[in-house]
Amino acid sequence: MIAHCFRGRNVSFHLACLLLGCAGMADLCSYLSAEVGVPVVDGVAAATKTVESLIALGLATSTRSEYAAPGPKQYVGALRGFTI
């Protein structure tokens, strides 16, 4: 279905690459690249390689608290004991 939607339209869309956002589509990269005519990137593999690179460089998550902490969440059922 993805190939059908993009086949022959990469020029009109100025499509340089296609990024898949679902691990379940990883096996389709080669097929889609051949059908669409542009590189197809598996988002999960790309994210994994990014993390591997950060680890190899000795980098870690920032400690500057630039992101908001998640708010409290109430758990129910078997997870009730985890409520903060």
C-alpha atoms as a PDB file:
ATOM      1  CA  MET A   1       0.000   0.000   0.000  1.00  0.00           C
ATOM      2  CA  ILE A   2       2.835   2.413   0.847  1.00  0.00           C
ATOM      3  CA  ALA A   3       4.619   1.619  -2.400  1.00  0.00           C
ATOM      4  CA  HIS A   4       1.393   2.093  -4.335  1.00  0.00           C
ATOM      5  CA  CYS A   5       0.847   5.543  -2.793  1.00  0.00           C
ATOM      6  CA  PHE A   6       4.368   6.760  -3.613  1.00  0.00           C
ATOM      7  CA  ARG A   7       5.165   4.900  -6.842  1.00  0.00           C
ATOM      8  CA  GLY A   8       6.148   7.372  -9.511  1.00  0.00           C
ATOM      9  CA  ARG A   9       5.456  10.396  -7.321  1.00  0.00           C
ATOM     10  CA  ASN A  10       8.809  10.949  -5.633  1.00  0.00           C
ATOM     11  CA  VAL A  11       9.628  13.774  -8.060  1.00  0.00           C
ATOM     12  CA  SER A  12       6.347  15.638  -7.541  1.00  0.00           C
ATOM     13  CA  PHE A  13       6.667  15.257  -3.760  1.00  0.00           C
ATOM     14  CA  HIS A  14      10.400  16.082  -3.828  1.00  0.00           C
ATOM     15  CA  LEU A  15      10.845  12.981  -1.721  1.00  0.00           C
ATOM     16  CA  ALA A  16      14.489  12.464  -0.722  1.00  0.00           C
ATOM     17  CA  CYS A  17      13.914   9.513   1.598  1.00  0.00           C
ATOM     18  CA  LEU A  18      11.185   7.671   3.444  1.00  0.00           C
ATOM     19  CA  LEU A  19      11.409   7.162   7.207  1.00  0.00           C
ATOM     20  CA  LEU A  20       9.458   4.246   8.652  1.00  0.00           C
ATOM     21  CA  GLY A  21       8.103   4.888  12.122  1.00  0.00           C
ATOM     22  CA  CYS A  22       7.171   1.370  13.123  1.00  0.00           C
ATOM     23  CA  ALA A  23       9.362  -1.616  14.012  1.00  0.00           C
ATOM     24  CA  GLY A  24       6.842  -3.874  12.320  1.00  0.00           C
ATOM     25  CA  MET A  25       7.747  -2.398   8.933  1.00  0.00           C
ATOM     26  CA  ALA A  26      11.523  -2.950   9.215  1.00  0.00           C
ATOM     27  CA  ASP A  27      11.487  -5.917   6.844  1.00  0.00           C
ATOM     28  CA  LEU A  28       9.973  -3.710   4.134  1.00  0.00           C
ATOM     29  CA  CYS A  29      12.934  -1.295   3.787  1.00  0.00           C
ATOM     30  CA  SER A  30      14.599  -2.980   0.811  1.00  0.00           C
ATOM     31  CA  TYR A  31      11.317  -3.649  -0.978  1.00  0.00           C
ATOM     32  CA  LEU A  32      10.027  -0.103  -0.501  1.00  0.00           C
ATOM     33  CA  SER A  33      13.335   1.451  -1.522  1.00  0.00           C
ATOM     34  CA  ALA A  34      13.278  -0.522  -4.777  1.00  0.00           C
ATOM     35  CA  GLU A  35       9.613   0.328  -5.421  1.00  0.00           C
ATOM     36  CA  VAL A  36       9.744   4.020  -4.495  1.00  0.00           C
ATOM     37  CA  GLY A  37      13.255   4.742  -5.771  1.00  0.00           C
ATOM     38  CA  VAL A  38      14.557   6.552  -2.688  1.00  0.00           C
ATOM     39  CA  PRO A  39      16.383   5.381   0.452  1.00  0.00           C
ATOM     40  CA  VAL A  40      14.060   3.992   3.125  1.00  0.00           C
ATOM     41  CA  VAL A  41      15.204   4.346   6.737  1.00  0.00           C
ATOM     42  CA  ASP A  42      14.084   2.027   9.512  1.00  0.00           C
ATOM     43  CA  GLY A  43      13.466   4.451  12.385  1.00  0.00           C
ATOM     44  CA  VAL A  44      14.098   1.867  15.099  1.00  0.00           C
ATOM     45  CA  ALA A  45      17.446   0.823  13.607  1.00  0.00           C
ATOM     46  CA  ALA A  46      18.450   4.475  13.189  1.00  0.00           C
ATOM     47  CA  ALA A  47      17.566   5.253  16.811  1.00  0.00           C
ATOM     48  CA  THR A  48      19.491   2.195  18.012  1.00  0.00           C
ATOM     49  CA  LYS A  49      22.601   3.259  16.082  1.00  0.00           C
ATOM     50  CA  THR A  50      22.273   6.773  17.518  1.00  0.00           C
ATOM     51  CA  VAL A  51      22.230   5.394  21.067  1.00  0.00           C
ATOM     52  CA  GLU A  52      25.185   3.105  20.279  1.00  0.00           C
ATOM     53  CA  SER A  53      27.111   6.133  19.020  1.00  0.00           C
ATOM     54  CA  LEU A  54      26.331   8.158  22.141  1.00  0.00           C
ATOM     55  CA  ILE A  55      27.517   5.295  24.334  1.00  0.00           C
ATOM     56  CA  ALA A  56      30.710   4.847  22.286  1.00  0.00           C
ATOM     57  CA  LEU A  57      31.415   8.571  22.646  1.00  0.00           C
ATOM     58  CA  GLY A  58      30.897   8.360  26.406  1.00  0.00           C
ATOM     59  CA  LEU A  59      27.949  10.747  26.332  1.00  0.00           C
ATOM     60  CA  ALA A  60      24.882  10.550  28.559  1.00  0.00           C
ATOM     61  CA  THR A  61      21.542  12.240  29.015  1.00  0.00           C
ATOM     62  CA  SER A  62      21.779  15.887  30.036  1.00  0.00           C
ATOM     63  CA  THR A  63      21.490  16.615  33.749  1.00  0.00           C
ATOM     64  CA  ARG A  64      20.284  20.185  33.243  1.00  0.00           C
ATOM     65  CA  SER A  65      16.610  19.288  33.846  1.00  0.00           C
ATOM     66  CA  GLU A  66      15.513  20.897  30.597  1.00  0.00           C
ATOM     67  CA  TYR A  67      12.540  18.588  30.238  1.00  0.00           C
ATOM     68  CA  ALA A  68       9.537  18.553  32.537  1.00  0.00           C
ATOM     69  CA  ALA A  69       9.208  15.562  34.804  1.00  0.00           C
ATOM     70  CA  PRO A  70       6.127  13.434  34.164  1.00  0.00           C
ATOM     71  CA  GLY A  71       3.163  14.186  36.373  1.00  0.00           C
ATOM     72  CA  PRO A  72       1.818  11.765  38.956  1.00  0.00           C
ATOM     73  CA  LYS A  73      -0.139   8.832  37.593  1.00  0.00           C
ATOM     74  CA  GLN A  74      -2.659   6.726  39.414  1.00  0.00           C
ATOM     75  CA  TYR A  75      -2.407   3.009  38.782  1.00  0.00           C
ATOM     76  CA  VAL A  76      -5.297   0.594  39.189  1.00  0.00           C
ATOM     77  CA  GLY A  77      -5.645  -3.155  39.436  1.00  0.00           C
ATOM     78  CA  ALA A  78      -2.526  -5.254  39.850  1.00  0.00           C
ATOM     79  CA  LEU A  79      -0.313  -2.149  39.527  1.00  0.00           C
ATOM     80  CA  ARG A  80      -2.098  -0.185  42.251  1.00  0.00           C
ATOM     81  CA  GLY A  81       0.910  -0.480  44.598  1.00  0.00           C
ATOM     82  CA  PHE A  82       3.022   1.582  42.174  1.00  0.00           C
ATOM     83  CA  THR A  83       0.921   4.768  42.549  1.00  0.00           C
ATOM     84  CA  ILE A  84       3.031   7.688  43.766  1.00  0.00           C
END
